[in-house]
Amino acid sequence: MGFLSGQWEWYLFMYFGTGVSPCYRGKRLYDELVPASKALVQKYTNWHARYRVVLHGDIIHLKRPDGNGIDAMLHVQPDPRKSAERALLVVFNPNSGQAVNTTVKVPLYYSGLSDTARVSREGAAPVSMTLARDWSIALPLTMAPNSFSWFVFE
């Protein structure tokens, strides 16, 4: 079994990031002879476990996937008793030849957030952002070709 980390990572993030709880069947999920493959599986199963409540909440598709631009999905969990994370945005740039440098309007109405949101990109220190009158924020987004990213809103 050859280990293609970029493809395997894309696959794992795509499934877990879209809220799917896959059930894998087969002889093995990673190659015992390639520790990086086991580490990658552990990374994304731990990530999914950490954000499971919000990932299994309602989903809002922000941009229809067309293969030319980004694909963005927002998971929301408006009940603060269930999760400190009120929304989680996953963004994919499937275009192999074009980087993304844009602003994404993120509608946080269904997240239960009303005035401000603490926004964290991929686990970095959160930044406080003020919501517009329509309960949205304008999120600056820069992505490399063939990449994905995620943001947590509290």
N, C-alpha and C. Protein backbone atom coordinates (compact mmCIF):
# COMPACT_ATOMS: atom_id res chain seq x y z
N MET A 1 0.85 -1.18 0.00
CA MET A 1 0.00 0.00 0.00
C MET A 1 0.90 1.24 0.00
N GLY A 2 0.85 2.03 -1.04
CA GLY A 2 1.61 3.27 -1.08
C GLY A 2 0.88 4.35 -0.31
N PHE A 3 1.61 5.21 0.34
CA PHE A 3 0.99 6.24 1.16
C PHE A 3 1.02 7.57 0.44
N LEU A 4 -0.14 8.07 0.07
CA LEU A 4 -0.29 9.36 -0.60
C LEU A 4 -0.93 10.31 0.40
N SER A 5 -0.08 10.96 1.22
CA SER A 5 -0.58 11.75 2.34
C SER A 5 -1.53 12.86 1.93
N GLY A 6 -1.25 13.56 0.85
CA GLY A 6 -2.12 14.66 0.43
C GLY A 6 -3.50 14.18 0.06
N GLN A 7 -3.58 13.10 -0.70
CA GLN A 7 -4.88 12.56 -1.09
C GLN A 7 -5.63 11.97 0.10
N TRP A 8 -4.94 11.27 0.96
CA TRP A 8 -5.56 10.65 2.13
C TRP A 8 -6.04 11.73 3.10
N GLU A 9 -5.25 12.78 3.28
CA GLU A 9 -5.66 13.87 4.16
C GLU A 9 -6.89 14.59 3.60
N TRP A 10 -6.91 14.85 2.29
CA TRP A 10 -8.06 15.49 1.65
C TRP A 10 -9.30 14.62 1.87
N TYR A 11 -9.16 13.33 1.66
CA TYR A 11 -10.27 12.40 1.83
C TYR A 11 -10.80 12.42 3.27
N LEU A 12 -9.91 12.31 4.25
CA LEU A 12 -10.32 12.31 5.65
C LEU A 12 -11.01 13.61 6.03
N PHE A 13 -10.42 14.75 5.63
CA PHE A 13 -11.03 16.03 5.99
C PHE A 13 -12.37 16.21 5.30
N MET A 14 -12.46 15.77 4.05
CA MET A 14 -13.71 15.91 3.31
C MET A 14 -14.84 15.18 4.03
N TYR A 15 -14.60 13.95 4.43
CA TYR A 15 -15.65 13.20 5.11
C TYR A 15 -15.95 13.75 6.50
N PHE A 16 -14.94 13.90 7.33
CA PHE A 16 -15.18 14.38 8.69
C PHE A 16 -15.66 15.83 8.69
N GLY A 17 -15.12 16.67 7.82
CA GLY A 17 -15.48 18.08 7.78
C GLY A 17 -16.88 18.35 7.27
N THR A 18 -17.45 17.40 6.53
CA THR A 18 -18.82 17.59 6.05
C THR A 18 -19.83 16.96 7.00
N GLY A 19 -19.35 16.46 8.13
CA GLY A 19 -20.25 15.92 9.14
C GLY A 19 -20.56 14.44 9.01
N VAL A 20 -19.87 13.78 8.09
CA VAL A 20 -20.09 12.35 7.91
C VAL A 20 -19.31 11.59 8.98
N SER A 21 -19.95 10.60 9.57
CA SER A 21 -19.25 9.71 10.50
C SER A 21 -19.07 8.38 9.76
N PRO A 22 -18.00 8.27 9.01
CA PRO A 22 -17.85 7.08 8.17
C PRO A 22 -17.61 5.81 8.98
N CYS A 23 -17.99 4.72 8.40
CA CYS A 23 -17.73 3.41 8.97
C CYS A 23 -16.82 2.70 7.97
N TYR A 24 -15.58 2.58 8.31
CA TYR A 24 -14.62 1.97 7.40
C TYR A 24 -14.59 0.46 7.60
N ARG A 25 -14.59 -0.26 6.52
CA ARG A 25 -14.48 -1.71 6.57
C ARG A 25 -13.32 -2.12 5.70
N GLY A 26 -12.65 -3.11 6.13
CA GLY A 26 -11.53 -3.59 5.35
C GLY A 26 -10.45 -4.13 6.26
N LYS A 27 -9.38 -4.49 5.66
CA LYS A 27 -8.28 -5.12 6.39
C LYS A 27 -7.57 -4.14 7.32
N ARG A 28 -7.39 -2.91 6.84
CA ARG A 28 -6.71 -1.90 7.66
C ARG A 28 -7.02 -0.50 7.15
N LEU A 29 -6.93 0.45 8.05
CA LEU A 29 -7.24 1.83 7.73
C LEU A 29 -5.97 2.63 7.44
N TYR A 30 -4.86 2.15 7.93
CA TYR A 30 -3.58 2.82 7.69
C TYR A 30 -2.50 1.74 7.58
N ASP A 31 -1.37 2.14 7.06
CA ASP A 31 -0.26 1.22 6.86
C ASP A 31 0.62 1.22 8.10
N GLU A 32 0.71 0.08 8.75
CA GLU A 32 1.53 -0.06 9.97
C GLU A 32 3.00 0.29 9.71
N LEU A 33 3.45 0.11 8.47
CA LEU A 33 4.85 0.37 8.14
C LEU A 33 5.12 1.85 7.86
N VAL A 34 4.05 2.64 7.79
CA VAL A 34 4.18 4.08 7.53
C VAL A 34 3.51 4.83 8.69
N PRO A 35 4.28 5.20 9.71
CA PRO A 35 3.70 5.86 10.89
C PRO A 35 2.93 7.14 10.55
N ALA A 36 3.31 7.81 9.48
CA ALA A 36 2.61 9.05 9.09
C ALA A 36 1.16 8.77 8.72
N SER A 37 0.88 7.60 8.17
CA SER A 37 -0.51 7.29 7.81
C SER A 37 -1.36 7.10 9.06
N LYS A 38 -0.81 6.45 10.08
CA LYS A 38 -1.54 6.28 11.34
C LYS A 38 -1.74 7.64 12.02
N ALA A 39 -0.73 8.49 12.01
CA ALA A 39 -0.81 9.81 12.61
C ALA A 39 -1.90 10.65 11.94
N LEU A 40 -2.01 10.53 10.62
CA LEU A 40 -3.03 11.28 9.88
C LEU A 40 -4.44 10.83 10.26
N VAL A 41 -4.64 9.54 10.36
CA VAL A 41 -5.95 9.02 10.77
C VAL A 41 -6.27 9.48 12.19
N GLN A 42 -5.30 9.42 13.09
CA GLN A 42 -5.52 9.86 14.46
C GLN A 42 -5.83 11.36 14.51
N LYS A 43 -5.12 12.15 13.70
CA LYS A 43 -5.34 13.59 13.68
C LYS A 43 -6.79 13.91 13.35
N TYR A 44 -7.35 13.29 12.32
CA TYR A 44 -8.70 13.63 11.90
C TYR A 44 -9.78 12.95 12.73
N THR A 45 -9.53 11.79 13.27
CA THR A 45 -10.53 11.20 14.17
C THR A 45 -10.59 12.00 15.47
N ASN A 46 -9.45 12.47 15.96
CA ASN A 46 -9.44 13.34 17.15
C ASN A 46 -10.12 14.66 16.88
N TRP A 47 -9.86 15.23 15.69
CA TRP A 47 -10.50 16.49 15.31
C TRP A 47 -12.02 16.32 15.26
N HIS A 48 -12.47 15.25 14.66
CA HIS A 48 -13.91 14.98 14.56
C HIS A 48 -14.52 14.79 15.95
N ALA A 49 -13.83 14.07 16.82
CA ALA A 49 -14.33 13.87 18.18
C ALA A 49 -14.43 15.19 18.93
N ARG A 50 -13.46 16.07 18.73
CA ARG A 50 -13.44 17.37 19.41
C ARG A 50 -14.63 18.24 19.00
N TYR A 51 -14.99 18.23 17.71
CA TYR A 51 -16.04 19.10 17.19
C TYR A 51 -17.31 18.33 16.80
N ARG A 52 -17.47 17.12 17.30
CA ARG A 52 -18.59 16.25 16.90
C ARG A 52 -19.95 16.92 17.07
N VAL A 53 -20.18 17.60 18.18
CA VAL A 53 -21.50 18.17 18.44
C VAL A 53 -21.88 19.20 17.37
N VAL A 54 -21.00 20.11 17.06
CA VAL A 54 -21.32 21.13 16.06
C VAL A 54 -21.32 20.53 14.65
N LEU A 55 -20.46 19.56 14.38
CA LEU A 55 -20.43 18.93 13.06
C LEU A 55 -21.71 18.15 12.77
N HIS A 56 -22.37 17.67 13.82
CA HIS A 56 -23.60 16.91 13.62
C HIS A 56 -24.84 17.79 13.77
N GLY A 57 -24.64 19.10 13.86
CA GLY A 57 -25.76 20.03 13.89
C GLY A 57 -26.24 20.30 12.47
N ASP A 58 -27.05 21.33 12.33
CA ASP A 58 -27.55 21.71 11.01
C ASP A 58 -26.41 22.20 10.13
N ILE A 59 -26.59 22.04 8.82
CA ILE A 59 -25.56 22.45 7.87
C ILE A 59 -26.17 23.43 6.87
N ILE A 60 -25.40 24.47 6.58
CA ILE A 60 -25.80 25.48 5.60
C ILE A 60 -24.72 25.49 4.53
N HIS A 61 -25.13 25.20 3.31
CA HIS A 61 -24.17 25.20 2.21
C HIS A 61 -24.05 26.64 1.70
N LEU A 62 -22.89 27.26 1.89
CA LEU A 62 -22.71 28.67 1.53
C LEU A 62 -22.45 28.86 0.05
N LYS A 63 -21.77 27.94 -0.56
CA LYS A 63 -21.46 28.06 -1.98
C LYS A 63 -21.57 26.71 -2.64
N ARG A 64 -22.34 26.65 -3.68
CA ARG A 64 -22.52 25.40 -4.40
C ARG A 64 -21.19 25.01 -5.06
N PRO A 65 -20.77 23.76 -4.90
CA PRO A 65 -19.51 23.34 -5.52
C PRO A 65 -19.63 23.29 -7.04
N ASP A 66 -18.71 23.95 -7.71
CA ASP A 66 -18.74 23.94 -9.17
C ASP A 66 -17.39 23.54 -9.78
N GLY A 67 -16.42 23.25 -8.92
CA GLY A 67 -15.10 22.83 -9.42
C GLY A 67 -14.22 23.98 -9.84
N ASN A 68 -14.76 25.19 -9.89
CA ASN A 68 -13.98 26.35 -10.31
C ASN A 68 -13.60 27.26 -9.16
N GLY A 69 -14.42 27.27 -8.12
CA GLY A 69 -14.16 28.13 -6.97
C GLY A 69 -14.22 27.32 -5.70
N ILE A 70 -14.39 28.02 -4.61
CA ILE A 70 -14.42 27.34 -3.32
C ILE A 70 -15.77 26.64 -3.10
N ASP A 71 -15.76 25.70 -2.20
CA ASP A 71 -16.96 25.04 -1.70
C ASP A 71 -16.94 25.32 -0.20
N ALA A 72 -18.03 25.85 0.35
CA ALA A 72 -18.05 26.23 1.76
C ALA A 72 -19.33 25.75 2.43
N MET A 73 -19.16 25.10 3.59
CA MET A 73 -20.29 24.60 4.38
C MET A 73 -20.16 25.08 5.81
N LEU A 74 -21.27 25.53 6.38
CA LEU A 74 -21.30 26.02 7.74
C LEU A 74 -22.15 25.07 8.59
N HIS A 75 -21.54 24.50 9.62
CA HIS A 75 -22.26 23.68 10.59
C HIS A 75 -22.64 24.60 11.75
N VAL A 76 -23.87 24.48 12.25
CA VAL A 76 -24.30 25.35 13.36
C VAL A 76 -24.89 24.53 14.50
N GLN A 77 -24.66 25.01 15.71
CA GLN A 77 -25.23 24.44 16.92
C GLN A 77 -25.61 25.62 17.81
N PRO A 78 -26.87 26.08 17.73
CA PRO A 78 -27.25 27.29 18.44
C PRO A 78 -27.40 27.14 19.95
N ASP A 79 -27.43 25.94 20.46
CA ASP A 79 -27.65 25.72 21.89
C ASP A 79 -26.32 25.76 22.64
N PRO A 80 -26.08 26.82 23.43
CA PRO A 80 -24.80 26.93 24.14
C PRO A 80 -24.61 25.87 25.22
N ARG A 81 -25.69 25.19 25.61
CA ARG A 81 -25.56 24.10 26.60
C ARG A 81 -24.96 22.85 25.97
N LYS A 82 -25.06 22.74 24.67
CA LYS A 82 -24.54 21.55 23.98
C LYS A 82 -23.09 21.72 23.55
N SER A 83 -22.71 22.96 23.18
CA SER A 83 -21.37 23.17 22.64
C SER A 83 -20.96 24.63 22.77
N ALA A 84 -19.70 24.86 23.14
CA ALA A 84 -19.17 26.23 23.15
C ALA A 84 -18.99 26.72 21.72
N GLU A 85 -18.71 25.78 20.83
CA GLU A 85 -18.56 26.12 19.40
C GLU A 85 -19.96 26.24 18.81
N ARG A 86 -20.29 27.43 18.36
CA ARG A 86 -21.64 27.67 17.86
C ARG A 86 -21.73 27.44 16.36
N ALA A 87 -20.59 27.50 15.68
CA ALA A 87 -20.57 27.25 14.24
C ALA A 87 -19.16 26.79 13.86
N LEU A 88 -19.11 26.01 12.79
CA LEU A 88 -17.83 25.56 12.25
C LEU A 88 -17.93 25.60 10.74
N LEU A 89 -17.06 26.37 10.13
CA LEU A 89 -17.05 26.55 8.68
C LEU A 89 -15.93 25.71 8.08
N VAL A 90 -16.26 24.91 7.08
CA VAL A 90 -15.24 24.18 6.33
C VAL A 90 -15.25 24.71 4.90
N VAL A 91 -14.06 24.96 4.38
CA VAL A 91 -13.92 25.53 3.04
C VAL A 91 -12.93 24.69 2.26
N PHE A 92 -13.30 24.36 1.03
CA PHE A 92 -12.44 23.60 0.13
C PHE A 92 -12.12 24.44 -1.10
N ASN A 93 -10.88 24.40 -1.54
CA ASN A 93 -10.50 24.97 -2.83
C ASN A 93 -10.02 23.80 -3.70
N PRO A 94 -10.92 23.20 -4.49
CA PRO A 94 -10.54 22.03 -5.28
C PRO A 94 -9.78 22.36 -6.55
N ASN A 95 -9.65 23.64 -6.87
CA ASN A 95 -8.99 24.05 -8.10
C ASN A 95 -7.48 23.89 -7.95
N SER A 96 -6.89 23.05 -8.77
CA SER A 96 -5.45 22.77 -8.64
C SER A 96 -4.57 23.87 -9.23
N GLY A 97 -5.14 24.80 -9.96
CA GLY A 97 -4.31 25.81 -10.59
C GLY A 97 -4.55 27.23 -10.13
N GLN A 98 -5.41 27.41 -9.13
CA GLN A 98 -5.75 28.78 -8.77
C GLN A 98 -5.88 28.94 -7.25
N ALA A 99 -5.15 29.90 -6.72
CA ALA A 99 -5.26 30.24 -5.30
C ALA A 99 -6.52 31.08 -5.11
N VAL A 100 -6.96 31.17 -3.86
CA VAL A 100 -8.16 31.94 -3.53
C VAL A 100 -7.76 33.10 -2.63
N ASN A 101 -8.22 34.27 -2.96
CA ASN A 101 -8.04 35.45 -2.12
C ASN A 101 -9.34 36.24 -2.23
N THR A 102 -10.23 36.02 -1.28
CA THR A 102 -11.57 36.59 -1.37
C THR A 102 -12.11 36.87 0.03
N THR A 103 -13.31 37.37 0.10
CA THR A 103 -14.02 37.56 1.36
C THR A 103 -15.29 36.74 1.28
N VAL A 104 -15.53 35.94 2.31
CA VAL A 104 -16.72 35.08 2.36
C VAL A 104 -17.69 35.67 3.37
N LYS A 105 -18.93 35.83 2.95
CA LYS A 105 -19.97 36.29 3.87
C LYS A 105 -20.50 35.06 4.61
N VAL A 106 -20.30 35.04 5.93
CA VAL A 106 -20.69 33.90 6.75
C VAL A 106 -21.94 34.27 7.54
N PRO A 107 -23.08 33.67 7.21
CA PRO A 107 -24.32 33.98 7.92
C PRO A 107 -24.39 33.22 9.24
N LEU A 108 -24.33 33.95 10.35
CA LEU A 108 -24.31 33.31 11.66
C LEU A 108 -25.66 33.38 12.38
N TYR A 109 -26.71 33.73 11.66
CA TYR A 109 -28.04 33.84 12.26
C TYR A 109 -28.44 32.55 12.98
N TYR A 110 -28.27 31.41 12.33
CA TYR A 110 -28.70 30.13 12.89
C TYR A 110 -27.75 29.58 13.95
N SER A 111 -26.65 30.27 14.19
CA SER A 111 -25.71 29.82 15.22
C SER A 111 -26.12 30.32 16.61
N GLY A 112 -27.02 31.28 16.66
CA GLY A 112 -27.43 31.86 17.93
C GLY A 112 -26.55 33.02 18.37
N LEU A 113 -25.48 33.30 17.63
CA LEU A 113 -24.62 34.45 17.95
C LEU A 113 -25.31 35.70 17.46
N SER A 114 -25.22 36.80 18.24
CA SER A 114 -25.97 37.99 17.84
C SER A 114 -25.14 39.25 17.69
N ASP A 115 -24.13 39.45 18.52
CA ASP A 115 -23.37 40.71 18.46
C ASP A 115 -21.93 40.51 17.99
N THR A 116 -21.25 39.58 18.65
CA THR A 116 -19.84 39.33 18.30
C THR A 116 -19.61 37.83 18.21
N ALA A 117 -18.55 37.47 17.53
CA ALA A 117 -18.13 36.07 17.44
C ALA A 117 -16.63 36.02 17.61
N ARG A 118 -16.19 35.03 18.34
CA ARG A 118 -14.75 34.76 18.44
C ARG A 118 -14.45 33.74 17.36
N VAL A 119 -13.57 34.12 16.42
CA VAL A 119 -13.30 33.31 15.24
C VAL A 119 -11.87 32.79 15.30
N SER A 120 -11.74 31.49 15.10
CA SER A 120 -10.43 30.85 15.12
C SER A 120 -10.23 30.06 13.83
N ARG A 121 -9.10 30.27 13.17
CA ARG A 121 -8.79 29.50 11.96
C ARG A 121 -7.87 28.35 12.33
N GLU A 122 -8.36 27.15 12.12
CA GLU A 122 -7.60 25.92 12.32
C GLU A 122 -6.93 25.85 13.70
N GLY A 123 -7.67 26.26 14.72
CA GLY A 123 -7.18 26.14 16.09
C GLY A 123 -6.28 27.27 16.56
N ALA A 124 -6.08 28.28 15.75
CA ALA A 124 -5.25 29.43 16.15
C ALA A 124 -6.00 30.25 17.22
N ALA A 125 -5.30 31.20 17.80
CA ALA A 125 -5.93 32.07 18.80
C ALA A 125 -7.13 32.78 18.17
N PRO A 126 -8.27 32.81 18.88
CA PRO A 126 -9.47 33.43 18.30
C PRO A 126 -9.36 34.95 18.23
N VAL A 127 -10.03 35.49 17.22
CA VAL A 127 -10.12 36.93 17.00
C VAL A 127 -11.58 37.32 17.13
N SER A 128 -11.86 38.39 17.83
CA SER A 128 -13.23 38.84 18.01
C SER A 128 -13.67 39.65 16.78
N MET A 129 -14.84 39.30 16.25
CA MET A 129 -15.39 40.01 15.09
C MET A 129 -16.82 40.41 15.40
N THR A 130 -17.21 41.59 14.95
CA THR A 130 -18.56 42.09 15.16
C THR A 130 -19.45 41.64 14.02
N LEU A 131 -20.63 41.15 14.37
CA LEU A 131 -21.59 40.73 13.36
C LEU A 131 -22.28 41.94 12.75
N ALA A 132 -22.57 41.85 11.46
CA ALA A 132 -23.32 42.91 10.78
C ALA A 132 -24.79 42.82 11.21
N ARG A 133 -25.58 43.76 10.79
CA ARG A 133 -26.99 43.79 11.20
C ARG A 133 -27.77 42.59 10.70
N ASP A 134 -27.26 41.90 9.68
CA ASP A 134 -27.94 40.70 9.17
C ASP A 134 -27.35 39.42 9.79
N TRP A 135 -26.67 39.55 10.92
CA TRP A 135 -26.06 38.44 11.66
C TRP A 135 -25.00 37.69 10.85
N SER A 136 -24.25 38.42 10.05
CA SER A 136 -23.19 37.80 9.26
C SER A 136 -21.87 38.50 9.54
N ILE A 137 -20.80 37.85 9.14
CA ILE A 137 -19.49 38.50 9.18
C ILE A 137 -18.85 38.33 7.82
N ALA A 138 -17.97 39.26 7.49
CA ALA A 138 -17.20 39.19 6.26
C ALA A 138 -15.84 38.61 6.64
N LEU A 139 -15.60 37.39 6.22
CA LEU A 139 -14.40 36.66 6.60
C LEU A 139 -13.39 36.67 5.46
N PRO A 140 -12.23 37.33 5.67
CA PRO A 140 -11.20 37.30 4.63
C PRO A 140 -10.65 35.88 4.50
N LEU A 141 -10.47 35.43 3.27
CA LEU A 141 -10.07 34.05 3.03
C LEU A 141 -8.97 33.99 1.97
N THR A 142 -7.86 33.41 2.35
CA THR A 142 -6.77 33.15 1.42
C THR A 142 -6.45 31.67 1.49
N MET A 143 -6.43 31.01 0.33
CA MET A 143 -6.16 29.58 0.28
C MET A 143 -5.30 29.24 -0.91
N ALA A 144 -4.43 28.28 -0.71
CA ALA A 144 -3.59 27.77 -1.79
C ALA A 144 -4.43 26.87 -2.71
N PRO A 145 -3.97 26.61 -3.91
CA PRO A 145 -4.67 25.66 -4.77
C PRO A 145 -4.75 24.28 -4.11
N ASN A 146 -5.81 23.56 -4.38
CA ASN A 146 -6.01 22.20 -3.86
C ASN A 146 -5.83 22.14 -2.34
N SER A 147 -6.56 22.99 -1.62
CA SER A 147 -6.40 23.03 -0.17
C SER A 147 -7.76 23.12 0.51
N PHE A 148 -7.74 23.01 1.80
CA PHE A 148 -8.96 23.15 2.60
C PHE A 148 -8.59 23.86 3.89
N SER A 149 -9.62 24.40 4.54
CA SER A 149 -9.40 25.11 5.80
C SER A 149 -10.67 25.03 6.63
N TRP A 150 -10.58 25.38 7.90
CA TRP A 150 -11.74 25.37 8.78
C TRP A 150 -11.65 26.47 9.80
N PHE A 151 -12.82 26.95 10.22
CA PHE A 151 -12.94 28.06 11.15
C PHE A 151 -13.97 27.70 12.21
N VAL A 152 -13.69 28.04 13.46
CA VAL A 152 -14.62 27.83 14.56
C VAL A 152 -15.13 29.18 15.03
N PHE A 153 -16.43 29.25 15.30
CA PHE A 153 -17.08 30.47 15.78
C PHE A 153 -17.68 30.21 17.16
N GLU A 154 -17.29 31.04 18.13
CA GLU A 154 -17.82 30.90 19.49
C GLU A 154 -18.53 32.18 19.87
